[in-house]
Structures are given as structure tokens and as C-alpha cells.
Amino acid sequence: MHKTVPELADRWLRRTPETLSELERRVLQSTVDRKPISQDINDSLAGLQGAGDRIADAIARIGGSWTFILSFIAFLVLWIGANWWLLGRDSFDPYPFIFLNLVLSMIAALQAPVIMMSQNRQAARDRIDAAHDYEVNLKAEIEIMALHEKLDELRHSQIIGVREDIARLAEQVNSIDERLSGRQTSQ
């Protein structure tokens, strides 16, 4: 395929080169250059994360796990058990466990924004993944259209070849028929 981006834009996308987005132009150029367009987005995004981003992702990963939930339930049971049953009157945090409420509020106040930061970053990553998926899908569609075009050209050339073979055979049959007709009239 020795085409240019404007020719491909008109032929397969039915658009002028001026109306193409940068992504579409890049896909068409990769088609012209016969270069793959797919890549591992995670590799390119991993280098862009700072230490805070990695910490937020780790906290979100831990804070959103069953291990964290079950261990936190165990911690609460131990806290309540130690302060209510074991220590009795000399408890560290007597019922209604005001200090425990303070600790839980502080954990929630810190954990919620960290998890939201991680979710925002994940949403941005999902948008990048979706754009890359569109890019790969568009390239695949263009390649499929190119294959269809090549198959159509191949079928057309085969039909022309068969037509020429039939015409040549018809001439040979006519020639043989004329010779046979000539022999029968001479006999």
C-alpha cells in the first residue's frame, strides 16, 4: 500500500485531512508506515507516578481489601474487649469508647481522601486506556478495510483472468468447429 495519509483519510474515513483528529492522523500514519500502534500503557504510566501516588495506591489497595476489613473488625473487638471486660473500672477507654471514636474518625478522615486520589488516578488511567483502545480498534478497522480492498482487487484480477481464459478457449472451440465444419463439407 503506497498511499498517503490524505488519501487514506478520504478513502477509508471519508473525511478530509483537515478534519482528522491527532489520534486519527497518527493511526493513518502508522498504517502508511506499516508500524504497530499498540503498546503497554501501564509501562508508560508507571514512570509518571510519584512516591505519593504509589503510597496512595498502596493504601487504597490495602484499605479496600477483605484482609483490612477483617483485621479491623478484630482490632475493634480486641479494643472493646480489653476496655470493657478485662480492665473493668480502670479501663483505658471506658464505654462509650470516645477515644476509639476519635481514632476511627481520624483514620476515616485520612483514608477517604487518599482512596479518592487513587480512584481519580485510576479514572484518568481508564480514560487513557479507552483512548488507546479506540486507537487500536481504528487501526484494526483500517487494516481490515485494506485487506478487503486487496481481496477485492485479487478477485477482480482473477475474474478478468478467467474471462480471458474463457475467451481464448471460445476462440479455440470456434477454430476447431470451423475446421470440423470444413472437413464435413469437403467429404
N, C-alpha and C. Protein backbone atom coordinates (compact mmCIF):
# COMPACT_ATOMS: atom_id res chain seq x y z
N MET A 1 0.85 -1.16 0.00
CA MET A 1 0.00 0.00 0.00
C MET A 1 0.90 1.23 0.00
N HIS A 2 0.93 1.93 -1.08
CA HIS A 2 1.75 3.13 -1.21
C HIS A 2 0.83 4.34 -1.26
N LYS A 3 0.12 4.56 -0.17
CA LYS A 3 -0.83 5.66 -0.09
C LYS A 3 -0.31 6.70 0.89
N THR A 4 -0.95 7.84 0.89
CA THR A 4 -0.60 8.90 1.85
C THR A 4 -1.75 9.05 2.84
N VAL A 5 -1.47 9.76 3.90
CA VAL A 5 -2.49 9.97 4.93
C VAL A 5 -3.73 10.66 4.36
N PRO A 6 -3.60 11.72 3.54
CA PRO A 6 -4.82 12.33 2.97
C PRO A 6 -5.63 11.37 2.11
N GLU A 7 -4.94 10.53 1.33
CA GLU A 7 -5.67 9.56 0.50
C GLU A 7 -6.42 8.55 1.36
N LEU A 8 -5.76 8.07 2.41
CA LEU A 8 -6.42 7.10 3.30
C LEU A 8 -7.57 7.73 4.07
N ALA A 9 -7.40 9.00 4.48
CA ALA A 9 -8.47 9.69 5.20
C ALA A 9 -9.71 9.79 4.32
N ASP A 10 -9.49 10.12 3.06
CA ASP A 10 -10.62 10.25 2.14
C ASP A 10 -11.21 8.88 1.81
N ARG A 11 -10.35 7.90 1.60
CA ARG A 11 -10.80 6.59 1.15
C ARG A 11 -11.51 5.80 2.25
N TRP A 12 -10.92 5.73 3.46
CA TRP A 12 -11.46 4.85 4.48
C TRP A 12 -12.26 5.56 5.56
N LEU A 13 -11.92 6.79 5.86
CA LEU A 13 -12.66 7.51 6.89
C LEU A 13 -13.67 8.49 6.29
N ARG A 14 -13.59 8.68 4.98
CA ARG A 14 -14.48 9.58 4.24
C ARG A 14 -14.47 10.99 4.84
N ARG A 15 -13.23 11.44 5.12
CA ARG A 15 -13.06 12.77 5.71
C ARG A 15 -11.85 13.45 5.09
N THR A 16 -11.85 14.76 5.17
CA THR A 16 -10.69 15.50 4.67
C THR A 16 -9.60 15.48 5.73
N PRO A 17 -8.35 15.60 5.31
CA PRO A 17 -7.25 15.57 6.29
C PRO A 17 -7.35 16.67 7.36
N GLU A 18 -7.96 17.78 7.01
CA GLU A 18 -8.08 18.89 7.96
C GLU A 18 -9.02 18.56 9.12
N THR A 19 -9.96 17.66 8.89
CA THR A 19 -10.95 17.34 9.93
C THR A 19 -10.52 16.17 10.81
N LEU A 20 -9.36 15.59 10.52
CA LEU A 20 -8.88 14.46 11.32
C LEU A 20 -8.37 14.92 12.68
N SER A 21 -8.63 14.12 13.69
CA SER A 21 -8.04 14.40 14.99
C SER A 21 -6.58 13.95 14.97
N GLU A 22 -5.82 14.36 15.96
CA GLU A 22 -4.42 13.96 16.04
C GLU A 22 -4.30 12.44 16.15
N LEU A 23 -5.20 11.84 16.91
CA LEU A 23 -5.21 10.39 17.07
C LEU A 23 -5.45 9.70 15.73
N GLU A 24 -6.44 10.17 14.97
CA GLU A 24 -6.75 9.55 13.67
C GLU A 24 -5.58 9.74 12.69
N ARG A 25 -4.98 10.90 12.74
CA ARG A 25 -3.83 11.16 11.87
C ARG A 25 -2.67 10.21 12.22
N ARG A 26 -2.45 9.99 13.53
CA ARG A 26 -1.39 9.09 13.99
C ARG A 26 -1.68 7.65 13.55
N VAL A 27 -2.95 7.24 13.64
CA VAL A 27 -3.33 5.88 13.22
C VAL A 27 -3.10 5.71 11.71
N LEU A 28 -3.54 6.68 10.93
CA LEU A 28 -3.35 6.58 9.48
C LEU A 28 -1.87 6.58 9.12
N GLN A 29 -1.08 7.40 9.82
CA GLN A 29 0.36 7.44 9.55
C GLN A 29 1.00 6.10 9.90
N SER A 30 0.55 5.47 10.98
CA SER A 30 1.10 4.15 11.33
C SER A 30 0.71 3.11 10.30
N THR A 31 -0.45 3.29 9.68
CA THR A 31 -0.88 2.38 8.62
C THR A 31 -0.01 2.57 7.38
N VAL A 32 0.26 3.82 7.03
CA VAL A 32 1.12 4.11 5.89
C VAL A 32 2.53 3.56 6.14
N ASP A 33 3.03 3.76 7.37
CA ASP A 33 4.39 3.32 7.71
C ASP A 33 4.48 1.84 8.00
N ARG A 34 3.32 1.16 8.10
CA ARG A 34 3.26 -0.26 8.43
C ARG A 34 3.92 -0.54 9.79
N LYS A 35 3.57 0.29 10.77
CA LYS A 35 4.10 0.14 12.12
C LYS A 35 2.96 -0.18 13.07
N PRO A 36 3.22 -1.03 14.07
CA PRO A 36 2.16 -1.32 15.05
C PRO A 36 1.89 -0.10 15.92
N ILE A 37 0.69 -0.04 16.43
CA ILE A 37 0.30 1.11 17.23
C ILE A 37 0.04 0.73 18.68
N SER A 38 -0.14 -0.56 18.95
CA SER A 38 -0.44 -0.99 20.31
C SER A 38 0.81 -0.91 21.18
N GLN A 39 0.58 -0.60 22.44
CA GLN A 39 1.66 -0.51 23.41
C GLN A 39 1.09 -0.79 24.79
N ASP A 40 1.97 -1.09 25.73
CA ASP A 40 1.55 -1.33 27.10
C ASP A 40 1.48 0.00 27.82
N ILE A 41 0.28 0.48 28.05
CA ILE A 41 0.07 1.78 28.69
C ILE A 41 0.59 1.77 30.12
N ASN A 42 0.49 0.62 30.80
CA ASN A 42 0.94 0.55 32.19
C ASN A 42 2.42 0.87 32.32
N ASP A 43 3.23 0.44 31.34
CA ASP A 43 4.66 0.74 31.39
C ASP A 43 4.90 2.24 31.30
N SER A 44 4.20 2.91 30.41
CA SER A 44 4.42 4.34 30.24
C SER A 44 3.87 5.14 31.42
N LEU A 45 2.79 4.66 32.03
CA LEU A 45 2.22 5.39 33.17
C LEU A 45 2.97 5.13 34.47
N ALA A 46 3.62 3.98 34.57
CA ALA A 46 4.34 3.64 35.80
C ALA A 46 5.47 4.62 36.06
N GLY A 47 6.12 5.09 35.04
CA GLY A 47 7.22 6.04 35.20
C GLY A 47 6.76 7.43 35.61
N LEU A 48 5.48 7.72 35.42
CA LEU A 48 4.96 9.05 35.74
C LEU A 48 4.48 9.17 37.18
N GLN A 49 4.38 8.06 37.90
CA GLN A 49 3.87 8.09 39.27
C GLN A 49 4.97 8.52 40.23
N GLY A 50 4.59 9.42 41.14
CA GLY A 50 5.50 9.84 42.19
C GLY A 50 5.35 8.93 43.40
N ALA A 51 6.15 9.22 44.43
CA ALA A 51 6.10 8.41 45.65
C ALA A 51 4.72 8.52 46.30
N GLY A 52 4.15 9.73 46.33
CA GLY A 52 2.81 9.91 46.92
C GLY A 52 1.75 9.12 46.20
N ASP A 53 1.86 9.07 44.88
CA ASP A 53 0.89 8.30 44.09
C ASP A 53 0.98 6.82 44.41
N ARG A 54 2.20 6.32 44.50
CA ARG A 54 2.37 4.89 44.82
C ARG A 54 1.87 4.58 46.23
N ILE A 55 2.11 5.50 47.18
CA ILE A 55 1.64 5.28 48.55
C ILE A 55 0.12 5.29 48.59
N ALA A 56 -0.50 6.25 47.88
CA ALA A 56 -1.96 6.33 47.84
C ALA A 56 -2.56 5.07 47.23
N ASP A 57 -1.93 4.57 46.17
CA ASP A 57 -2.43 3.33 45.55
C ASP A 57 -2.29 2.15 46.50
N ALA A 58 -1.18 2.10 47.24
CA ALA A 58 -0.98 1.00 48.19
C ALA A 58 -2.00 1.08 49.31
N ILE A 59 -2.26 2.28 49.82
CA ILE A 59 -3.26 2.44 50.89
C ILE A 59 -4.64 2.06 50.39
N ALA A 60 -4.98 2.47 49.17
CA ALA A 60 -6.28 2.13 48.60
C ALA A 60 -6.39 0.62 48.38
N ARG A 61 -5.28 0.01 47.95
CA ARG A 61 -5.29 -1.43 47.74
C ARG A 61 -5.48 -2.18 49.06
N ILE A 62 -4.81 -1.72 50.11
CA ILE A 62 -4.94 -2.36 51.42
C ILE A 62 -6.29 -2.03 52.05
N GLY A 63 -6.67 -0.74 52.03
CA GLY A 63 -7.91 -0.31 52.67
C GLY A 63 -9.16 -0.87 52.04
N GLY A 64 -9.07 -1.32 50.81
CA GLY A 64 -10.24 -1.86 50.12
C GLY A 64 -10.20 -3.38 50.04
N SER A 65 -9.50 -4.01 50.98
CA SER A 65 -9.39 -5.47 50.93
C SER A 65 -10.12 -6.12 52.10
N TRP A 66 -10.46 -7.38 51.92
CA TRP A 66 -11.11 -8.12 53.00
C TRP A 66 -10.15 -8.33 54.16
N THR A 67 -8.88 -8.43 53.87
CA THR A 67 -7.89 -8.57 54.93
C THR A 67 -7.95 -7.37 55.87
N PHE A 68 -8.01 -6.17 55.30
CA PHE A 68 -8.09 -4.97 56.12
C PHE A 68 -9.39 -4.95 56.92
N ILE A 69 -10.49 -5.26 56.27
CA ILE A 69 -11.79 -5.21 56.96
C ILE A 69 -11.83 -6.21 58.11
N LEU A 70 -11.40 -7.43 57.85
CA LEU A 70 -11.43 -8.45 58.91
C LEU A 70 -10.45 -8.14 60.03
N SER A 71 -9.28 -7.66 59.68
CA SER A 71 -8.32 -7.30 60.73
C SER A 71 -8.80 -6.10 61.52
N PHE A 72 -9.48 -5.17 60.87
CA PHE A 72 -10.00 -4.01 61.60
C PHE A 72 -11.15 -4.42 62.52
N ILE A 73 -11.98 -5.36 62.08
CA ILE A 73 -13.03 -5.88 62.96
C ILE A 73 -12.40 -6.57 64.17
N ALA A 74 -11.33 -7.33 63.94
CA ALA A 74 -10.63 -7.99 65.06
C ALA A 74 -10.04 -6.95 66.01
N PHE A 75 -9.47 -5.87 65.45
CA PHE A 75 -8.93 -4.79 66.29
C PHE A 75 -10.04 -4.17 67.15
N LEU A 76 -11.20 -3.91 66.54
CA LEU A 76 -12.31 -3.31 67.30
C LEU A 76 -12.78 -4.24 68.41
N VAL A 77 -12.89 -5.52 68.11
CA VAL A 77 -13.31 -6.48 69.12
C VAL A 77 -12.30 -6.52 70.27
N LEU A 78 -11.02 -6.54 69.94
CA LEU A 78 -9.99 -6.54 70.98
C LEU A 78 -10.04 -5.25 71.81
N TRP A 79 -10.19 -4.13 71.16
CA TRP A 79 -10.26 -2.83 71.85
C TRP A 79 -11.42 -2.82 72.84
N ILE A 80 -12.59 -3.19 72.33
CA ILE A 80 -13.79 -3.19 73.18
C ILE A 80 -13.64 -4.21 74.29
N GLY A 81 -13.16 -5.40 73.95
CA GLY A 81 -12.98 -6.44 74.96
C GLY A 81 -12.00 -6.03 76.03
N ALA A 82 -10.89 -5.44 75.63
CA ALA A 82 -9.88 -5.04 76.60
C ALA A 82 -10.38 -3.93 77.50
N ASN A 83 -11.13 -3.01 76.94
CA ASN A 83 -11.58 -1.86 77.73
C ASN A 83 -12.85 -2.13 78.53
N TRP A 84 -13.62 -3.06 78.14
CA TRP A 84 -14.89 -3.29 78.83
C TRP A 84 -14.78 -4.45 79.81
N TRP A 85 -14.34 -5.60 79.31
CA TRP A 85 -14.35 -6.79 80.16
C TRP A 85 -13.07 -6.94 80.98
N LEU A 86 -11.93 -6.74 80.34
CA LEU A 86 -10.67 -7.05 81.01
C LEU A 86 -10.28 -5.99 82.04
N LEU A 87 -10.42 -4.75 81.66
CA LEU A 87 -9.94 -3.70 82.55
C LEU A 87 -11.03 -3.19 83.51
N GLY A 88 -12.26 -3.40 83.18
CA GLY A 88 -13.37 -3.00 84.06
C GLY A 88 -13.33 -1.52 84.37
N ARG A 89 -13.22 -1.19 85.65
CA ARG A 89 -13.25 0.22 86.07
C ARG A 89 -12.01 0.98 85.63
N ASP A 90 -10.87 0.33 85.59
CA ASP A 90 -9.62 1.01 85.23
C ASP A 90 -9.36 0.94 83.73
N SER A 91 -10.40 0.94 82.96
CA SER A 91 -10.23 0.79 81.51
C SER A 91 -9.57 2.01 80.90
N PHE A 92 -8.85 1.75 79.84
CA PHE A 92 -8.13 2.80 79.09
C PHE A 92 -9.11 3.74 78.40
N ASP A 93 -10.16 3.18 77.80
CA ASP A 93 -11.17 3.96 77.07
C ASP A 93 -12.54 3.40 77.44
N PRO A 94 -13.13 3.90 78.56
CA PRO A 94 -14.39 3.32 79.04
C PRO A 94 -15.53 3.55 78.04
N TYR A 95 -16.58 2.71 78.21
CA TYR A 95 -17.78 2.84 77.39
C TYR A 95 -18.28 4.26 77.50
N PRO A 96 -18.59 4.92 76.46
CA PRO A 96 -18.92 4.69 75.06
C PRO A 96 -17.73 4.78 74.11
N PHE A 97 -16.54 4.52 74.58
CA PHE A 97 -15.33 4.40 73.75
C PHE A 97 -15.07 5.67 72.93
N ILE A 98 -14.96 6.77 73.61
CA ILE A 98 -14.76 8.07 72.95
C ILE A 98 -13.43 8.12 72.23
N PHE A 99 -12.39 7.59 72.87
CA PHE A 99 -11.07 7.61 72.22
C PHE A 99 -11.08 6.74 70.95
N LEU A 100 -11.76 5.60 71.01
CA LEU A 100 -11.89 4.74 69.82
C LEU A 100 -12.60 5.49 68.70
N ASN A 101 -13.66 6.22 69.03
CA ASN A 101 -14.36 7.02 68.02
C ASN A 101 -13.44 8.07 67.40
N LEU A 102 -12.59 8.69 68.24
CA LEU A 102 -11.64 9.67 67.73
C LEU A 102 -10.65 9.02 66.76
N VAL A 103 -10.13 7.85 67.15
CA VAL A 103 -9.18 7.14 66.29
C VAL A 103 -9.85 6.75 64.97
N LEU A 104 -11.07 6.22 65.05
CA LEU A 104 -11.79 5.83 63.83
C LEU A 104 -12.07 7.03 62.93
N SER A 105 -12.43 8.15 63.52
CA SER A 105 -12.70 9.37 62.74
C SER A 105 -11.44 9.85 62.04
N MET A 106 -10.31 9.80 62.75
CA MET A 106 -9.05 10.25 62.14
C MET A 106 -8.65 9.32 61.00
N ILE A 107 -8.80 8.02 61.20
CA ILE A 107 -8.47 7.07 60.13
C ILE A 107 -9.36 7.31 58.92
N ALA A 108 -10.65 7.50 59.16
CA ALA A 108 -11.58 7.74 58.04
C ALA A 108 -11.28 9.06 57.35
N ALA A 109 -10.92 10.10 58.15
CA ALA A 109 -10.63 11.41 57.58
C ALA A 109 -9.39 11.36 56.70
N LEU A 110 -8.44 10.52 57.02
CA LEU A 110 -7.23 10.40 56.21
C LEU A 110 -7.38 9.39 55.08
N GLN A 111 -8.06 8.30 55.36
CA GLN A 111 -8.16 7.23 54.38
C GLN A 111 -9.06 7.61 53.20
N ALA A 112 -10.15 8.30 53.46
CA ALA A 112 -11.09 8.65 52.39
C ALA A 112 -10.46 9.50 51.30
N PRO A 113 -9.77 10.60 51.62
CA PRO A 113 -9.16 11.38 50.53
C PRO A 113 -8.05 10.62 49.79
N VAL A 114 -7.31 9.79 50.52
CA VAL A 114 -6.26 9.02 49.86
C VAL A 114 -6.87 8.04 48.87
N ILE A 115 -7.95 7.38 49.26
CA ILE A 115 -8.63 6.46 48.35
C ILE A 115 -9.23 7.22 47.17
N MET A 116 -9.77 8.40 47.41
CA MET A 116 -10.32 9.21 46.31
C MET A 116 -9.22 9.64 45.35
N MET A 117 -8.03 9.98 45.87
CA MET A 117 -6.91 10.33 44.97
C MET A 117 -6.56 9.14 44.09
N SER A 118 -6.52 7.98 44.70
CA SER A 118 -6.21 6.77 43.93
C SER A 118 -7.29 6.50 42.89
N GLN A 119 -8.55 6.70 43.25
CA GLN A 119 -9.65 6.49 42.29
C GLN A 119 -9.60 7.50 41.16
N ASN A 120 -9.24 8.75 41.47
CA ASN A 120 -9.12 9.76 40.41
C ASN A 120 -8.01 9.39 39.44
N ARG A 121 -6.90 8.90 39.98
CA ARG A 121 -5.80 8.48 39.12
C ARG A 121 -6.21 7.27 38.28
N GLN A 122 -6.97 6.36 38.88
CA GLN A 122 -7.44 5.19 38.14
C GLN A 122 -8.41 5.61 37.04
N ALA A 123 -9.26 6.60 37.33
CA ALA A 123 -10.18 7.10 36.30
C ALA A 123 -9.41 7.73 35.14
N ALA A 124 -8.35 8.47 35.46
CA ALA A 124 -7.52 9.06 34.40
C ALA A 124 -6.85 7.96 33.59
N ARG A 125 -6.37 6.93 34.27
CA ARG A 125 -5.75 5.79 33.58
C ARG A 125 -6.78 5.09 32.69
N ASP A 126 -8.01 4.96 33.17
CA ASP A 126 -9.07 4.32 32.38
C ASP A 126 -9.37 5.14 31.12
N ARG A 127 -9.35 6.48 31.25
CA ARG A 127 -9.57 7.32 30.06
C ARG A 127 -8.44 7.13 29.05
N ILE A 128 -7.21 7.03 29.54
CA ILE A 128 -6.08 6.80 28.63
C ILE A 128 -6.21 5.43 27.98
N ASP A 129 -6.60 4.43 28.77
CA ASP A 129 -6.80 3.08 28.22
C ASP A 129 -7.90 3.08 27.16
N ALA A 130 -8.98 3.80 27.42
CA ALA A 130 -10.09 3.85 26.46
C ALA A 130 -9.64 4.53 25.16
N ALA A 131 -8.88 5.61 25.28
CA ALA A 131 -8.38 6.29 24.08
C ALA A 131 -7.44 5.38 23.30
N HIS A 132 -6.60 4.64 24.02
CA HIS A 132 -5.68 3.72 23.35
C HIS A 132 -6.45 2.57 22.69
N ASP A 133 -7.48 2.07 23.37
CA ASP A 133 -8.31 1.02 22.78
C ASP A 133 -8.98 1.52 21.50
N TYR A 134 -9.47 2.77 21.52
CA TYR A 134 -10.07 3.33 20.31
C TYR A 134 -9.04 3.40 19.20
N GLU A 135 -7.83 3.81 19.55
CA GLU A 135 -6.77 3.93 18.56
C GLU A 135 -6.46 2.57 17.93
N VAL A 136 -6.32 1.55 18.76
CA VAL A 136 -6.03 0.20 18.27
C VAL A 136 -7.20 -0.32 17.44
N ASN A 137 -8.43 -0.09 17.90
CA ASN A 137 -9.61 -0.55 17.14
C ASN A 137 -9.71 0.14 15.79
N LEU A 138 -9.42 1.45 15.76
CA LEU A 138 -9.45 2.17 14.49
C LEU A 138 -8.40 1.62 13.54
N LYS A 139 -7.21 1.35 14.06
CA LYS A 139 -6.15 0.78 13.22
C LYS A 139 -6.59 -0.59 12.69
N ALA A 140 -7.20 -1.40 13.56
CA ALA A 140 -7.67 -2.72 13.13
C ALA A 140 -8.73 -2.59 12.04
N GLU A 141 -9.64 -1.66 12.20
CA GLU A 141 -10.67 -1.45 11.17
C GLU A 141 -10.05 -1.04 9.85
N ILE A 142 -9.08 -0.14 9.91
CA ILE A 142 -8.42 0.32 8.68
C ILE A 142 -7.68 -0.84 8.02
N GLU A 143 -6.99 -1.65 8.83
CA GLU A 143 -6.28 -2.80 8.26
C GLU A 143 -7.26 -3.79 7.64
N ILE A 144 -8.41 -3.99 8.28
CA ILE A 144 -9.42 -4.89 7.72
C ILE A 144 -9.95 -4.34 6.41
N MET A 145 -10.19 -3.02 6.36
CA MET A 145 -10.65 -2.42 5.10
C MET A 145 -9.59 -2.59 4.02
N ALA A 146 -8.31 -2.46 4.40
CA ALA A 146 -7.23 -2.64 3.42
C ALA A 146 -7.20 -4.08 2.91
N LEU A 147 -7.41 -5.03 3.83
CA LEU A 147 -7.45 -6.44 3.41
C LEU A 147 -8.62 -6.71 2.48
N HIS A 148 -9.78 -6.14 2.80
CA HIS A 148 -10.95 -6.30 1.92
C HIS A 148 -10.65 -5.73 0.55
N GLU A 149 -10.01 -4.58 0.53
CA GLU A 149 -9.68 -3.95 -0.74
C GLU A 149 -8.73 -4.83 -1.55
N LYS A 150 -7.73 -5.39 -0.87
CA LYS A 150 -6.78 -6.27 -1.56
C LYS A 150 -7.47 -7.53 -2.07
N LEU A 151 -8.36 -8.09 -1.26
CA LEU A 151 -9.10 -9.28 -1.70
C LEU A 151 -10.00 -8.96 -2.88
N ASP A 152 -10.65 -7.79 -2.84
CA ASP A 152 -11.49 -7.39 -3.97
C ASP A 152 -10.66 -7.24 -5.24
N GLU A 153 -9.48 -6.62 -5.12
CA GLU A 153 -8.60 -6.46 -6.28
C GLU A 153 -8.14 -7.82 -6.80
N LEU A 154 -7.80 -8.71 -5.88
CA LEU A 154 -7.37 -10.05 -6.28
C LEU A 154 -8.50 -10.80 -6.98
N ARG A 155 -9.70 -10.73 -6.42
CA ARG A 155 -10.85 -11.40 -7.04
C ARG A 155 -11.14 -10.79 -8.41
N HIS A 156 -11.03 -9.47 -8.51
CA HIS A 156 -11.28 -8.80 -9.79
C HIS A 156 -10.25 -9.26 -10.83
N SER A 157 -8.98 -9.33 -10.43
CA SER A 157 -7.96 -9.77 -11.40
C SER A 157 -8.16 -11.24 -11.77
N GLN A 158 -8.61 -12.06 -10.83
CA GLN A 158 -8.89 -13.46 -11.15
C GLN A 158 -10.07 -13.56 -12.11
N ILE A 159 -11.09 -12.76 -11.89
CA ILE A 159 -12.25 -12.78 -12.79
C ILE A 159 -11.84 -12.36 -14.19
N ILE A 160 -11.00 -11.33 -14.29
CA ILE A 160 -10.51 -10.90 -15.61
C ILE A 160 -9.70 -12.02 -16.25
N GLY A 161 -8.85 -12.68 -15.45
CA GLY A 161 -8.05 -13.80 -15.97
C GLY A 161 -8.93 -14.93 -16.46
N VAL A 162 -9.97 -15.27 -15.68
CA VAL A 162 -10.89 -16.34 -16.09
C VAL A 162 -11.63 -15.94 -17.36
N ARG A 163 -12.05 -14.68 -17.42
CA ARG A 163 -12.75 -14.18 -18.60
C ARG A 163 -11.86 -14.30 -19.84
N GLU A 164 -10.57 -13.93 -19.70
CA GLU A 164 -9.64 -14.04 -20.83
C GLU A 164 -9.42 -15.50 -21.21
N ASP A 165 -9.33 -16.39 -20.20
CA ASP A 165 -9.19 -17.82 -20.48
C ASP A 165 -10.41 -18.35 -21.23
N ILE A 166 -11.58 -17.93 -20.82
CA ILE A 166 -12.82 -18.36 -21.48
C ILE A 166 -12.86 -17.86 -22.92
N ALA A 167 -12.44 -16.61 -23.12
CA ALA A 167 -12.43 -16.05 -24.48
C ALA A 167 -11.44 -16.82 -25.35
N ARG A 168 -10.26 -17.14 -24.81
CA ARG A 168 -9.26 -17.90 -25.55
C ARG A 168 -9.78 -19.31 -25.87
N LEU A 169 -10.42 -19.94 -24.90
CA LEU A 169 -10.99 -21.27 -25.13
C LEU A 169 -12.12 -21.22 -26.16
N ALA A 170 -12.92 -20.15 -26.10
CA ALA A 170 -14.01 -20.00 -27.08
C ALA A 170 -13.45 -19.86 -28.48
N GLU A 171 -12.34 -19.11 -28.60
CA GLU A 171 -11.71 -18.97 -29.91
C GLU A 171 -11.20 -20.32 -30.40
N GLN A 172 -10.60 -21.08 -29.49
CA GLN A 172 -10.10 -22.40 -29.88
C GLN A 172 -11.24 -23.33 -30.28
N VAL A 173 -12.35 -23.28 -29.53
CA VAL A 173 -13.51 -24.11 -29.88
C VAL A 173 -14.05 -23.69 -31.23
N ASN A 174 -14.15 -22.37 -31.48
CA ASN A 174 -14.62 -21.89 -32.79
C ASN A 174 -13.68 -22.33 -33.91
N SER A 175 -12.39 -22.28 -33.65
CA SER A 175 -11.41 -22.70 -34.66
C SER A 175 -11.56 -24.18 -34.96
N ILE A 176 -11.71 -24.98 -33.92
CA ILE A 176 -11.90 -26.42 -34.12
C ILE A 176 -13.21 -26.68 -34.84
N ASP A 177 -14.26 -25.95 -34.46
CA ASP A 177 -15.56 -26.11 -35.10
C ASP A 177 -15.48 -25.75 -36.58
N GLU A 178 -14.74 -24.68 -36.90
CA GLU A 178 -14.60 -24.30 -38.31
C GLU A 178 -13.85 -25.37 -39.08
N ARG A 179 -12.80 -25.93 -38.47
CA ARG A 179 -12.05 -26.98 -39.16
C ARG A 179 -12.91 -28.23 -39.37
N LEU A 180 -13.67 -28.58 -38.35
CA LEU A 180 -14.54 -29.74 -38.48
C LEU A 180 -15.63 -29.48 -39.51
N SER A 181 -16.17 -28.27 -39.50
CA SER A 181 -17.21 -27.92 -40.47
C SER A 181 -16.63 -27.96 -41.89
N GLY A 182 -15.37 -27.49 -42.04
CA GLY A 182 -14.71 -27.50 -43.33
C GLY A 182 -14.46 -28.91 -43.81
N ARG A 183 -14.15 -29.84 -42.94
CA ARG A 183 -13.89 -31.23 -43.31
C ARG A 183 -15.20 -31.92 -43.73
N GLN A 184 -16.26 -31.61 -43.00
CA GLN A 184 -17.53 -32.28 -43.31
C GLN A 184 -18.05 -31.81 -44.66
N THR A 185 -17.87 -30.59 -45.04
CA THR A 185 -18.35 -30.09 -46.34
C THR A 185 -17.50 -30.63 -47.50
N SER A 186 -16.21 -30.91 -47.21
CA SER A 186 -15.34 -31.45 -48.26
C SER A 186 -15.56 -32.94 -48.46
N GLN A 187 -16.13 -33.62 -47.55
CA GLN A 187 -16.30 -35.07 -47.67
C GLN A 187 -17.54 -35.35 -48.40
